[in-house]
Amino acid sequence: MTEQIPFDAELQDYLQYVTVERGLSANTRSSYRQDLRLFFEYLKTKQITTLEQVDRFVILAFLGTLEEEGKARNTVIHMVTSLRKFFQYAHRNQLVTNDPMLQVDPPKKGQYLPAVLTIAEVEALLAAPDTSTNLGIRTRTMLEVMYATGMRVSELVNLKFDNLHLDLGLIQTVGKGDKERIIPIGDMAAMWLERYLQDVRPLLGRQQDPTIIFLNDHGRQLTRQGVWKIIKQLVASVGITKDVSPHTLRHSFATHILENGADLRIVQELLGHADISTTQIYTHISNKRLAEVYQRSHPRAKKD
C-alpha cells in the first residue's frame, strides 16, 4: 500500500483553488506543490497531524532547517511566499482559526547577481552546435532565438507557428501570468528560424502536435529540462566555466542591450517584467562589469 502523503487532501483542494479561482500557470502551481509537500513532510516528522497545531514557532523552526541545509536565500523567500498564500486560503476556508504566517516576517533578499556571458562567450556558445546535422540546426536556431529575444525557456518550448510574424520581424509569446507580449527578433535569428522551419522541422515532426516549433530527436515537444541538458553539454564543450542555464541567455540579452544604450523601461517590456524593480538587477550587473573593465583598463586604477 502506498504511504499516505501528509495533508494530501488539503493540498489537492488548494491546488484546485489556485487553478480554477486564480488561474495560476502550471509552473507556479508546480512550485507551490513542491514547497507545500516539503513543509507537510516536515510536519509529519514532528508528529503534527492537524493544521491547527501549526503556529509561528513551527514555521520558524521549519525555515531554520532549510537554512541549516544550505538552501539559497531566494529559495527560503519563495517558501515563505508559498506558505503565506496557503495559510491565507486555509484561514478563509476555516481550516485554521488563526493564520500563523501573520507573525512571520519575510526574510530579506540577498544581493544576487545572475551569471552573464560576455559577447565572445555568447558567440562561442551559438557556434557550438554541429549545423551539418538536423538537430544541430535546431539547436543553433533555439539558441539564436533565446539570445535575440530574451525569452524564458518555458516560452521557447511552447512557441507555436501562430506566434511567428517573421515578415514583420516579430514574435508573439505568452509569459508569466498568461501575459502576452510582442518581441522583435533580429535578422540573424530570423534567418536561422526560417532555415530550421523550411529544412528541418518537417523532418522531425510527423506524429506529434503540428503547432509546436521546437521538437526533440523523437519528434516530441522539447521540454525545459531538455533545453537545460542541451545547453549544459554545449557550455562544457566550449570551455565556459560559469554556471550557465537557459536563463543565462535571457540575463545576457538584457545586460548586453542595456550596455549598448537601451532604456530600462524598454528592457522591462521586452522581458515581460510586471515590476521594473525586477529589471533593475541588470543595471547592477552593468555597473559591476563597468567597474571590472575600469580596473583592468585604466592605467591609474591600481597602485603599482
C-alpha atoms as a PDB file:
ATOM      1  CA  MET A   1       0.000   0.000   0.000  1.00  0.00           C
ATOM      2  CA  THR A   2       1.275   3.490  -0.893  1.00  0.00           C
ATOM      3  CA  GLU A   3       2.050   5.628   2.161  1.00  0.00           C
ATOM      4  CA  GLN A   4      -0.404   8.473   2.643  1.00  0.00           C
ATOM      5  CA  ILE A   5       1.054  11.881   1.847  1.00  0.00           C
ATOM      6  CA  PRO A   6       0.578  14.228   4.843  1.00  0.00           C
ATOM      7  CA  PHE A   7      -2.242  16.742   4.334  1.00  0.00           C
ATOM      8  CA  ASP A   8      -2.768  15.465   0.787  1.00  0.00           C
ATOM      9  CA  ALA A   9      -6.478  16.356   0.732  1.00  0.00           C
ATOM     10  CA  GLU A  10      -5.816  19.933   1.839  1.00  0.00           C
ATOM     11  CA  LEU A  11      -3.023  20.264  -0.735  1.00  0.00           C
ATOM     12  CA  GLN A  12      -5.172  18.975  -3.590  1.00  0.00           C
ATOM     13  CA  ASP A  13      -8.061  21.290  -2.631  1.00  0.00           C
ATOM     14  CA  TYR A  14      -5.685  24.253  -2.522  1.00  0.00           C
ATOM     15  CA  LEU A  15      -4.153  23.438  -5.915  1.00  0.00           C
ATOM     16  CA  GLN A  16      -7.658  23.121  -7.359  1.00  0.00           C
ATOM     17  CA  TYR A  17      -8.460  26.560  -5.930  1.00  0.00           C
ATOM     18  CA  VAL A  18      -5.392  28.282  -7.419  1.00  0.00           C
ATOM     19  CA  THR A  19      -6.116  26.611 -10.751  1.00  0.00           C
ATOM     20  CA  VAL A  20      -9.829  27.413 -11.047  1.00  0.00           C
ATOM     21  CA  GLU A  21     -10.232  30.571  -8.977  1.00  0.00           C
ATOM     22  CA  ARG A  22      -6.892  32.280  -9.529  1.00  0.00           C
ATOM     23  CA  GLY A  23      -5.884  30.859 -12.915  1.00  0.00           C
ATOM     24  CA  LEU A  24      -2.230  30.358 -11.948  1.00  0.00           C
ATOM     25  CA  SER A  25       0.129  28.849 -14.505  1.00  0.00           C
ATOM     26  CA  ALA A  26       1.224  25.211 -14.405  1.00  0.00           C
ATOM     27  CA  ASN A  27       4.760  26.262 -13.434  1.00  0.00           C
ATOM     28  CA  THR A  28       3.513  28.335 -10.481  1.00  0.00           C
ATOM     29  CA  ARG A  29       1.219  25.533  -9.295  1.00  0.00           C
ATOM     30  CA  SER A  30       4.098  23.078  -9.528  1.00  0.00           C
ATOM     31  CA  SER A  31       6.345  25.304  -7.393  1.00  0.00           C
ATOM     32  CA  TYR A  32       3.599  25.688  -4.745  1.00  0.00           C
ATOM     33  CA  ARG A  33       3.062  21.911  -4.716  1.00  0.00           C
ATOM     34  CA  GLN A  34       6.762  21.249  -4.246  1.00  0.00           C
ATOM     35  CA  ASP A  35       7.102  23.774  -1.400  1.00  0.00           C
ATOM     36  CA  LEU A  36       3.990  22.642   0.456  1.00  0.00           C
ATOM     37  CA  ARG A  37       4.791  18.948   0.200  1.00  0.00           C
ATOM     38  CA  LEU A  38       8.203  19.645   1.714  1.00  0.00           C
ATOM     39  CA  PHE A  39       6.543  21.567   4.559  1.00  0.00           C
ATOM     40  CA  PHE A  40       3.940  18.855   5.167  1.00  0.00           C
ATOM     41  CA  GLU A  41       6.652  16.176   5.258  1.00  0.00           C
ATOM     42  CA  TYR A  42       8.385  18.263   7.935  1.00  0.00           C
ATOM     43  CA  LEU A  43       5.141  18.409   9.951  1.00  0.00           C
ATOM     44  CA  LYS A  44       4.956  14.623   9.788  1.00  0.00           C
ATOM     45  CA  THR A  45       8.422  14.296  11.335  1.00  0.00           C
ATOM     46  CA  LYS A  46       7.193  16.474  14.228  1.00  0.00           C
ATOM     47  CA  GLN A  47       4.022  14.372  14.739  1.00  0.00           C
ATOM     48  CA  ILE A  48       1.855  17.336  13.780  1.00  0.00           C
ATOM     49  CA  THR A  49      -1.398  15.927  12.423  1.00  0.00           C
ATOM     50  CA  THR A  50      -3.629  18.998  12.043  1.00  0.00           C
ATOM     51  CA  LEU A  51      -3.092  22.434  10.550  1.00  0.00           C
ATOM     52  CA  GLU A  52      -4.490  23.917  13.757  1.00  0.00           C
ATOM     53  CA  GLN A  53      -1.317  22.763  15.536  1.00  0.00           C
ATOM     54  CA  VAL A  54       0.877  24.898  13.263  1.00  0.00           C
ATOM     55  CA  ASP A  55       1.984  28.166  14.864  1.00  0.00           C
ATOM     56  CA  ARG A  56       4.722  30.683  14.116  1.00  0.00           C
ATOM     57  CA  PHE A  57       7.277  28.673  16.116  1.00  0.00           C
ATOM     58  CA  VAL A  58       6.673  25.571  13.986  1.00  0.00           C
ATOM     59  CA  ILE A  59       7.094  27.616  10.814  1.00  0.00           C
ATOM     60  CA  LEU A  60      10.221  29.399  12.048  1.00  0.00           C
ATOM     61  CA  ALA A  61      11.748  26.067  13.054  1.00  0.00           C
ATOM     62  CA  PHE A  62      10.984  24.678   9.581  1.00  0.00           C
ATOM     63  CA  LEU A  63      12.551  27.700   7.860  1.00  0.00           C
ATOM     64  CA  GLY A  64      15.550  27.290  10.128  1.00  0.00           C
ATOM     65  CA  THR A  65      16.051  23.715   8.888  1.00  0.00           C
ATOM     66  CA  LEU A  66      16.073  24.990   5.303  1.00  0.00           C
ATOM     67  CA  GLU A  67      18.850  27.441   6.142  1.00  0.00           C
ATOM     68  CA  GLU A  68      20.789  24.764   8.018  1.00  0.00           C
ATOM     69  CA  GLU A  69      20.575  22.560   4.898  1.00  0.00           C
ATOM     70  CA  GLY A  70      22.220  25.366   2.922  1.00  0.00           C
ATOM     71  CA  LYS A  71      19.177  26.350   0.881  1.00  0.00           C
ATOM     72  CA  ALA A  72      19.630  29.586  -1.047  1.00  0.00           C
ATOM     73  CA  ARG A  73      18.113  32.725   0.450  1.00  0.00           C
ATOM     74  CA  ASN A  74      15.759  33.104  -2.510  1.00  0.00           C
ATOM     75  CA  THR A  75      14.571  29.503  -2.017  1.00  0.00           C
ATOM     76  CA  VAL A  76      13.632  30.322   1.584  1.00  0.00           C
ATOM     77  CA  ILE A  77      11.891  33.514   0.446  1.00  0.00           C
ATOM     78  CA  HIS A  78       9.887  31.519  -2.098  1.00  0.00           C
ATOM     79  CA  MET A  79       8.905  29.029   0.611  1.00  0.00           C
ATOM     80  CA  VAL A  80       7.652  31.851   2.828  1.00  0.00           C
ATOM     81  CA  THR A  81       5.540  33.144  -0.071  1.00  0.00           C
ATOM     82  CA  SER A  82       4.086  29.675  -0.698  1.00  0.00           C
ATOM     83  CA  LEU A  83       3.226  29.217   2.989  1.00  0.00           C
ATOM     84  CA  ARG A  84       1.771  32.704   3.264  1.00  0.00           C
ATOM     85  CA  LYS A  85      -0.616  32.147   0.364  1.00  0.00           C
ATOM     86  CA  PHE A  86      -1.609  28.674   1.564  1.00  0.00           C
ATOM     87  CA  PHE A  87      -2.448  29.804   5.092  1.00  0.00           C
ATOM     88  CA  GLN A  88      -4.404  32.789   3.779  1.00  0.00           C
ATOM     89  CA  TYR A  89      -6.504  30.262   1.870  1.00  0.00           C
ATOM     90  CA  ALA A  90      -6.710  27.959   4.906  1.00  0.00           C
ATOM     91  CA  HIS A  91      -7.895  30.794   7.152  1.00  0.00           C
ATOM     92  CA  ARG A  92     -10.520  31.992   4.664  1.00  0.00           C
ATOM     93  CA  ASN A  93     -11.852  28.449   4.383  1.00  0.00           C
ATOM     94  CA  GLN A  94     -11.824  27.895   8.176  1.00  0.00           C
ATOM     95  CA  LEU A  95      -9.173  25.180   8.072  1.00  0.00           C
ATOM     96  CA  VAL A  96      -7.336  27.157  10.770  1.00  0.00           C
ATOM     97  CA  THR A  97      -8.633  29.551  13.401  1.00  0.00           C
ATOM     98  CA  ASN A  98      -5.621  31.885  13.129  1.00  0.00           C
ATOM     99  CA  ASP A  99      -3.203  32.498  10.281  1.00  0.00           C
ATOM    100  CA  PRO A 100       0.263  31.716  11.717  1.00  0.00           C
ATOM    101  CA  MET A 101       2.010  33.467   8.839  1.00  0.00           C
ATOM    102  CA  LEU A 102       0.791  36.855  10.074  1.00  0.00           C
ATOM    103  CA  GLN A 103       3.516  36.629  12.714  1.00  0.00           C
ATOM    104  CA  VAL A 104       6.294  35.523  10.351  1.00  0.00           C
ATOM    105  CA  ASP A 105       8.367  38.247   8.707  1.00  0.00           C
ATOM    106  CA  PRO A 106       9.683  37.544   5.207  1.00  0.00           C
ATOM    107  CA  PRO A 107      13.480  37.122   5.078  1.00  0.00           C
ATOM    108  CA  LYS A 108      15.339  39.897   3.342  1.00  0.00           C
ATOM    109  CA  LYS A 109      16.509  39.224  -0.170  1.00  0.00           C
ATOM    110  CA  GLY A 110      20.203  38.707  -0.636  1.00  0.00           C
ATOM    111  CA  GLN A 111      22.119  40.639  -3.254  1.00  0.00           C
ATOM    112  CA  TYR A 112      22.113  38.177  -6.118  1.00  0.00           C
ATOM    113  CA  LEU A 113      23.670  38.919  -9.465  1.00  0.00           C
ATOM    114  CA  PRO A 114      22.959  36.217 -12.047  1.00  0.00           C
ATOM    115  CA  ALA A 115      25.673  34.854 -14.299  1.00  0.00           C
ATOM    116  CA  VAL A 116      26.054  36.761 -17.551  1.00  0.00           C
ATOM    117  CA  LEU A 117      28.037  35.697 -20.592  1.00  0.00           C
ATOM    118  CA  THR A 118      30.344  38.063 -22.423  1.00  0.00           C
ATOM    119  CA  ILE A 119      29.583  38.685 -26.068  1.00  0.00           C
ATOM    120  CA  ALA A 120      32.547  36.478 -27.000  1.00  0.00           C
ATOM    121  CA  GLU A 121      31.161  33.665 -24.828  1.00  0.00           C
ATOM    122  CA  VAL A 122      27.733  34.031 -26.411  1.00  0.00           C
ATOM    123  CA  GLU A 123      29.304  33.829 -29.871  1.00  0.00           C
ATOM    124  CA  ALA A 124      31.186  30.676 -28.862  1.00  0.00           C
ATOM    125  CA  LEU A 125      28.034  29.086 -27.492  1.00  0.00           C
ATOM    126  CA  LEU A 126      25.982  29.959 -30.586  1.00  0.00           C
ATOM    127  CA  ALA A 127      28.667  28.456 -32.829  1.00  0.00           C
ATOM    128  CA  ALA A 128      28.927  25.227 -30.806  1.00  0.00           C
ATOM    129  CA  PRO A 129      26.094  23.141 -32.383  1.00  0.00           C
ATOM    130  CA  ASP A 130      27.043  20.990 -35.375  1.00  0.00           C
ATOM    131  CA  THR A 131      24.938  22.605 -38.073  1.00  0.00           C
ATOM    132  CA  SER A 132      25.766  19.875 -40.581  1.00  0.00           C
ATOM    133  CA  THR A 133      23.072  17.857 -38.773  1.00  0.00           C
ATOM    134  CA  ASN A 134      19.340  18.485 -38.463  1.00  0.00           C
ATOM    135  CA  LEU A 135      19.427  18.571 -34.668  1.00  0.00           C
ATOM    136  CA  GLY A 136      22.401  20.910 -34.788  1.00  0.00           C
ATOM    137  CA  ILE A 137      20.412  23.349 -36.923  1.00  0.00           C
ATOM    138  CA  ARG A 138      17.506  23.071 -34.492  1.00  0.00           C
ATOM    139  CA  THR A 139      19.776  23.743 -31.518  1.00  0.00           C
ATOM    140  CA  ARG A 140      21.523  26.694 -33.194  1.00  0.00           C
ATOM    141  CA  THR A 141      18.110  28.152 -34.043  1.00  0.00           C
ATOM    142  CA  MET A 142      16.892  27.659 -30.488  1.00  0.00           C
ATOM    143  CA  LEU A 143      19.932  29.457 -29.036  1.00  0.00           C
ATOM    144  CA  GLU A 144      19.716  32.286 -31.569  1.00  0.00           C
ATOM    145  CA  VAL A 145      16.050  32.881 -30.731  1.00  0.00           C
ATOM    146  CA  MET A 146      16.677  32.830 -26.967  1.00  0.00           C
ATOM    147  CA  TYR A 147      19.529  35.334 -27.176  1.00  0.00           C
ATOM    148  CA  ALA A 148      17.761  37.552 -29.733  1.00  0.00           C
ATOM    149  CA  THR A 149      14.523  37.840 -27.751  1.00  0.00           C
ATOM    150  CA  GLY A 150      15.347  37.206 -24.082  1.00  0.00           C
ATOM    151  CA  MET A 151      12.588  34.599 -23.926  1.00  0.00           C
ATOM    152  CA  ARG A 152      12.151  32.410 -20.879  1.00  0.00           C
ATOM    153  CA  VAL A 153      12.802  28.747 -21.651  1.00  0.00           C
ATOM    154  CA  SER A 154       9.152  27.932 -20.890  1.00  0.00           C
ATOM    155  CA  GLU A 155       8.124  30.462 -23.529  1.00  0.00           C
ATOM    156  CA  LEU A 156      10.544  28.978 -26.044  1.00  0.00           C
ATOM    157  CA  VAL A 157       9.378  25.379 -25.717  1.00  0.00           C
ATOM    158  CA  ASN A 158       5.724  26.463 -26.024  1.00  0.00           C
ATOM    159  CA  LEU A 159       6.353  28.625 -29.101  1.00  0.00           C
ATOM    160  CA  LYS A 160       3.880  27.869 -31.916  1.00  0.00           C
ATOM    161  CA  PHE A 161       3.722  28.656 -35.598  1.00  0.00           C
ATOM    162  CA  ASP A 162       0.913  31.150 -34.996  1.00  0.00           C
ATOM    163  CA  ASN A 163       3.265  33.126 -32.740  1.00  0.00           C
ATOM    164  CA  LEU A 164       5.674  33.918 -35.585  1.00  0.00           C
ATOM    165  CA  HIS A 165       5.405  37.116 -37.630  1.00  0.00           C
ATOM    166  CA  LEU A 166       8.779  36.965 -39.321  1.00  0.00           C
ATOM    167  CA  ASP A 167       7.681  39.208 -42.186  1.00  0.00           C
ATOM    168  CA  LEU A 168       7.323  41.929 -39.542  1.00  0.00           C
ATOM    169  CA  GLY A 169      10.388  40.841 -37.554  1.00  0.00           C
ATOM    170  CA  LEU A 170       8.255  39.996 -34.504  1.00  0.00           C
ATOM    171  CA  ILE A 171       7.463  37.046 -32.236  1.00  0.00           C
ATOM    172  CA  GLN A 172       4.381  36.831 -30.044  1.00  0.00           C
ATOM    173  CA  THR A 173       4.670  34.952 -26.747  1.00  0.00           C
ATOM    174  CA  VAL A 174       2.776  34.319 -23.522  1.00  0.00           C
ATOM    175  CA  GLY A 175       4.751  34.763 -20.325  1.00  0.00           C
ATOM    176  CA  LYS A 176       4.105  34.597 -16.581  1.00  0.00           C
ATOM    177  CA  GLY A 177       0.506  35.195 -15.554  1.00  0.00           C
ATOM    178  CA  ASP A 178      -0.572  34.413 -19.132  1.00  0.00           C
ATOM    179  CA  LYS A 179       0.549  37.898 -20.160  1.00  0.00           C
ATOM    180  CA  GLU A 180       1.055  38.245 -23.890  1.00  0.00           C
ATOM    181  CA  ARG A 181       3.815  40.357 -25.368  1.00  0.00           C
ATOM    182  CA  ILE A 182       5.353  41.092 -28.760  1.00  0.00           C
ATOM    183  CA  ILE A 183       9.155  40.867 -29.088  1.00  0.00           C
ATOM    184  CA  PRO A 184      11.320  41.990 -32.023  1.00  0.00           C
ATOM    185  CA  ILE A 185      13.603  39.341 -33.472  1.00  0.00           C
ATOM    186  CA  GLY A 186      16.844  40.252 -35.198  1.00  0.00           C
ATOM    187  CA  ASP A 187      17.816  39.326 -38.737  1.00  0.00           C
ATOM    188  CA  MET A 188      20.290  36.625 -37.708  1.00  0.00           C
ATOM    189  CA  ALA A 189      17.831  34.751 -35.506  1.00  0.00           C
ATOM    190  CA  ALA A 190      15.093  35.143 -38.119  1.00  0.00           C
ATOM    191  CA  MET A 191      17.401  33.682 -40.774  1.00  0.00           C
ATOM    192  CA  TRP A 192      18.135  30.595 -38.666  1.00  0.00           C
ATOM    193  CA  LEU A 193      14.470  30.228 -37.797  1.00  0.00           C
ATOM    194  CA  GLU A 194      13.467  30.278 -41.446  1.00  0.00           C
ATOM    195  CA  ARG A 195      16.155  27.708 -42.292  1.00  0.00           C
ATOM    196  CA  TYR A 196      15.028  25.406 -39.475  1.00  0.00           C
ATOM    197  CA  LEU A 197      11.348  25.703 -40.388  1.00  0.00           C
ATOM    198  CA  GLN A 198      11.981  25.031 -44.047  1.00  0.00           C
ATOM    199  CA  ASP A 199      14.674  22.330 -43.946  1.00  0.00           C
ATOM    200  CA  VAL A 200      14.469  20.585 -40.579  1.00  0.00           C
ATOM    201  CA  ARG A 201      11.144  20.979 -38.778  1.00  0.00           C
ATOM    202  CA  PRO A 202       9.158  18.979 -41.410  1.00  0.00           C
ATOM    203  CA  LEU A 203      11.557  16.043 -40.924  1.00  0.00           C
ATOM    204  CA  LEU A 204      11.257  15.986 -37.121  1.00  0.00           C
ATOM    205  CA  GLY A 205       7.536  16.214 -36.638  1.00  0.00           C
ATOM    206  CA  ARG A 206       5.429  13.543 -38.245  1.00  0.00           C
ATOM    207  CA  GLN A 207       3.246  12.271 -35.420  1.00  0.00           C
ATOM    208  CA  GLN A 208       3.004  14.958 -32.754  1.00  0.00           C
ATOM    209  CA  ASP A 209       1.330  18.330 -32.213  1.00  0.00           C
ATOM    210  CA  PRO A 210       1.869  20.098 -35.556  1.00  0.00           C
ATOM    211  CA  THR A 211       1.640  23.551 -33.970  1.00  0.00           C
ATOM    212  CA  ILE A 212       4.805  23.315 -31.805  1.00  0.00           C
ATOM    213  CA  ILE A 213       8.024  24.694 -33.307  1.00  0.00           C
ATOM    214  CA  PHE A 214      10.885  23.140 -31.338  1.00  0.00           C
ATOM    215  CA  LEU A 215      10.996  19.331 -31.181  1.00  0.00           C
ATOM    216  CA  ASN A 216      13.411  16.750 -29.803  1.00  0.00           C
ATOM    217  CA  ASP A 217      15.000  13.894 -31.739  1.00  0.00           C
ATOM    218  CA  HIS A 218      11.888  11.758 -31.162  1.00  0.00           C
ATOM    219  CA  GLY A 219       9.644  14.324 -32.788  1.00  0.00           C
ATOM    220  CA  ARG A 220       8.088  15.394 -29.497  1.00  0.00           C
ATOM    221  CA  GLN A 221       7.906  18.843 -27.945  1.00  0.00           C
ATOM    222  CA  LEU A 222      11.162  19.903 -26.288  1.00  0.00           C
ATOM    223  CA  THR A 223      10.918  20.251 -22.515  1.00  0.00           C
ATOM    224  CA  ARG A 224      12.583  22.809 -20.264  1.00  0.00           C
ATOM    225  CA  GLN A 225      14.742  20.015 -18.880  1.00  0.00           C
ATOM    226  CA  GLY A 226      15.707  19.013 -22.415  1.00  0.00           C
ATOM    227  CA  VAL A 227      16.844  22.537 -23.242  1.00  0.00           C
ATOM    228  CA  TRP A 228      18.787  22.721 -19.959  1.00  0.00           C
ATOM    229  CA  LYS A 229      20.611  19.476 -20.778  1.00  0.00           C
ATOM    230  CA  ILE A 230      21.495  20.625 -24.311  1.00  0.00           C
ATOM    231  CA  ILE A 231      22.895  23.942 -23.080  1.00  0.00           C
ATOM    232  CA  LYS A 232      24.933  22.308 -20.302  1.00  0.00           C
ATOM    233  CA  GLN A 233      26.564  19.987 -22.839  1.00  0.00           C
ATOM    234  CA  LEU A 234      27.385  22.850 -25.213  1.00  0.00           C
ATOM    235  CA  VAL A 235      28.780  25.038 -22.425  1.00  0.00           C
ATOM    236  CA  ALA A 236      31.131  22.241 -21.389  1.00  0.00           C
ATOM    237  CA  SER A 237      32.200  21.668 -24.998  1.00  0.00           C
ATOM    238  CA  VAL A 238      33.349  25.284 -25.487  1.00  0.00           C
ATOM    239  CA  GLY A 239      35.086  25.548 -22.110  1.00  0.00           C
ATOM    240  CA  ILE A 240      32.845  28.154 -20.440  1.00  0.00           C
ATOM    241  CA  THR A 241      33.297  27.720 -16.682  1.00  0.00           C
ATOM    242  CA  LYS A 242      30.422  29.931 -15.493  1.00  0.00           C
ATOM    243  CA  ASP A 243      27.265  28.378 -14.041  1.00  0.00           C
ATOM    244  CA  VAL A 244      25.174  28.594 -17.212  1.00  0.00           C
ATOM    245  CA  SER A 245      21.497  27.673 -17.537  1.00  0.00           C
ATOM    246  CA  PRO A 246      18.899  28.507 -20.209  1.00  0.00           C
ATOM    247  CA  HIS A 247      18.062  31.615 -18.160  1.00  0.00           C
ATOM    248  CA  THR A 248      21.649  32.824 -18.590  1.00  0.00           C
ATOM    249  CA  LEU A 249      20.920  33.721 -22.214  1.00  0.00           C
ATOM    250  CA  ARG A 250      17.987  35.831 -21.002  1.00  0.00           C
ATOM    251  CA  HIS A 251      20.243  37.581 -18.470  1.00  0.00           C
ATOM    252  CA  SER A 252      22.883  38.118 -21.157  1.00  0.00           C
ATOM    253  CA  PHE A 253      20.328  39.512 -23.600  1.00  0.00           C
ATOM    254  CA  ALA A 254      19.111  42.080 -21.062  1.00  0.00           C
ATOM    255  CA  THR A 255      22.589  43.073 -19.905  1.00  0.00           C
ATOM    256  CA  HIS A 256      24.021  43.467 -23.395  1.00  0.00           C
ATOM    257  CA  ILE A 257      21.221  45.678 -24.720  1.00  0.00           C
ATOM    258  CA  LEU A 258      21.376  47.835 -21.581  1.00  0.00           C
ATOM    259  CA  GLU A 259      25.133  48.215 -22.021  1.00  0.00           C
ATOM    260  CA  ASN A 260      24.501  49.343 -25.578  1.00  0.00           C
ATOM    261  CA  GLY A 261      22.129  52.120 -24.565  1.00  0.00           C
ATOM    262  CA  ALA A 262      18.643  50.586 -24.275  1.00  0.00           C
ATOM    263  CA  ASP A 263      16.225  52.290 -21.899  1.00  0.00           C
ATOM    264  CA  LEU A 264      15.352  50.333 -18.747  1.00  0.00           C
ATOM    265  CA  ARG A 265      11.613  50.609 -19.452  1.00  0.00           C
ATOM    266  CA  ILE A 266      12.135  49.088 -22.900  1.00  0.00           C
ATOM    267  CA  VAL A 267      14.065  46.195 -21.363  1.00  0.00           C
ATOM    268  CA  GLN A 268      11.222  45.714 -18.863  1.00  0.00           C
ATOM    269  CA  GLU A 269       8.731  45.408 -21.735  1.00  0.00           C
ATOM    270  CA  LEU A 270      10.960  43.041 -23.707  1.00  0.00           C
ATOM    271  CA  LEU A 271      11.446  40.739 -20.709  1.00  0.00           C
ATOM    272  CA  GLY A 272       7.798  40.863 -19.674  1.00  0.00           C
ATOM    273  CA  HIS A 273       8.519  42.014 -16.106  1.00  0.00           C
ATOM    274  CA  ALA A 274       5.442  43.264 -14.243  1.00  0.00           C
ATOM    275  CA  ASP A 275       7.589  45.412 -11.933  1.00  0.00           C
ATOM    276  CA  ILE A 276      10.565  47.477 -13.093  1.00  0.00           C
ATOM    277  CA  SER A 277      12.365  46.696  -9.828  1.00  0.00           C
ATOM    278  CA  THR A 278      12.877  43.177 -11.222  1.00  0.00           C
ATOM    279  CA  THR A 279      14.531  44.653 -14.302  1.00  0.00           C
ATOM    280  CA  GLN A 280      16.811  46.909 -12.261  1.00  0.00           C
ATOM    281  CA  ILE A 281      19.029  43.951 -11.311  1.00  0.00           C
ATOM    282  CA  TYR A 282      20.554  44.297 -14.782  1.00  0.00           C
ATOM    283  CA  THR A 283      21.711  47.839 -14.055  1.00  0.00           C
ATOM    284  CA  HIS A 284      23.667  46.414 -11.106  1.00  0.00           C
ATOM    285  CA  ILE A 285      25.233  43.839 -13.421  1.00  0.00           C
ATOM    286  CA  SER A 286      26.167  46.545 -15.936  1.00  0.00           C
ATOM    287  CA  ASN A 287      27.700  48.713 -13.216  1.00  0.00           C
ATOM    288  CA  LYS A 288      29.677  45.754 -11.845  1.00  0.00           C
ATOM    289  CA  ARG A 289      31.005  44.915 -15.310  1.00  0.00           C
ATOM    290  CA  LEU A 290      31.823  48.580 -15.888  1.00  0.00           C
ATOM    291  CA  ALA A 291      33.883  48.639 -12.693  1.00  0.00           C
ATOM    292  CA  GLU A 292      35.698  45.459 -13.709  1.00  0.00           C
ATOM    293  CA  VAL A 293      36.564  46.885 -17.126  1.00  0.00           C
ATOM    294  CA  TYR A 294      37.790  50.105 -15.485  1.00  0.00           C
ATOM    295  CA  GLN A 295      40.013  48.194 -13.065  1.00  0.00           C
ATOM    296  CA  ARG A 296      41.536  46.190 -15.894  1.00  0.00           C
ATOM    297  CA  SER A 297      41.901  49.024 -18.374  1.00  0.00           C
ATOM    298  CA  HIS A 298      42.684  52.333 -16.689  1.00  0.00           C
ATOM    299  CA  PRO A 299      46.443  52.890 -16.242  1.00  0.00           C
ATOM    300  CA  ARG A 300      45.962  54.546 -12.834  1.00  0.00           C
ATOM    301  CA  ALA A 301      43.178  52.299 -11.487  1.00  0.00           C
ATOM    302  CA  LYS A 302      45.627  50.313  -9.342  1.00  0.00           C
ATOM    303  CA  LYS A 303      48.685  51.181  -7.313  1.00  0.00           C
ATOM    304  CA  ASP A 304      51.983  49.857  -8.610  1.00  0.00           C
END
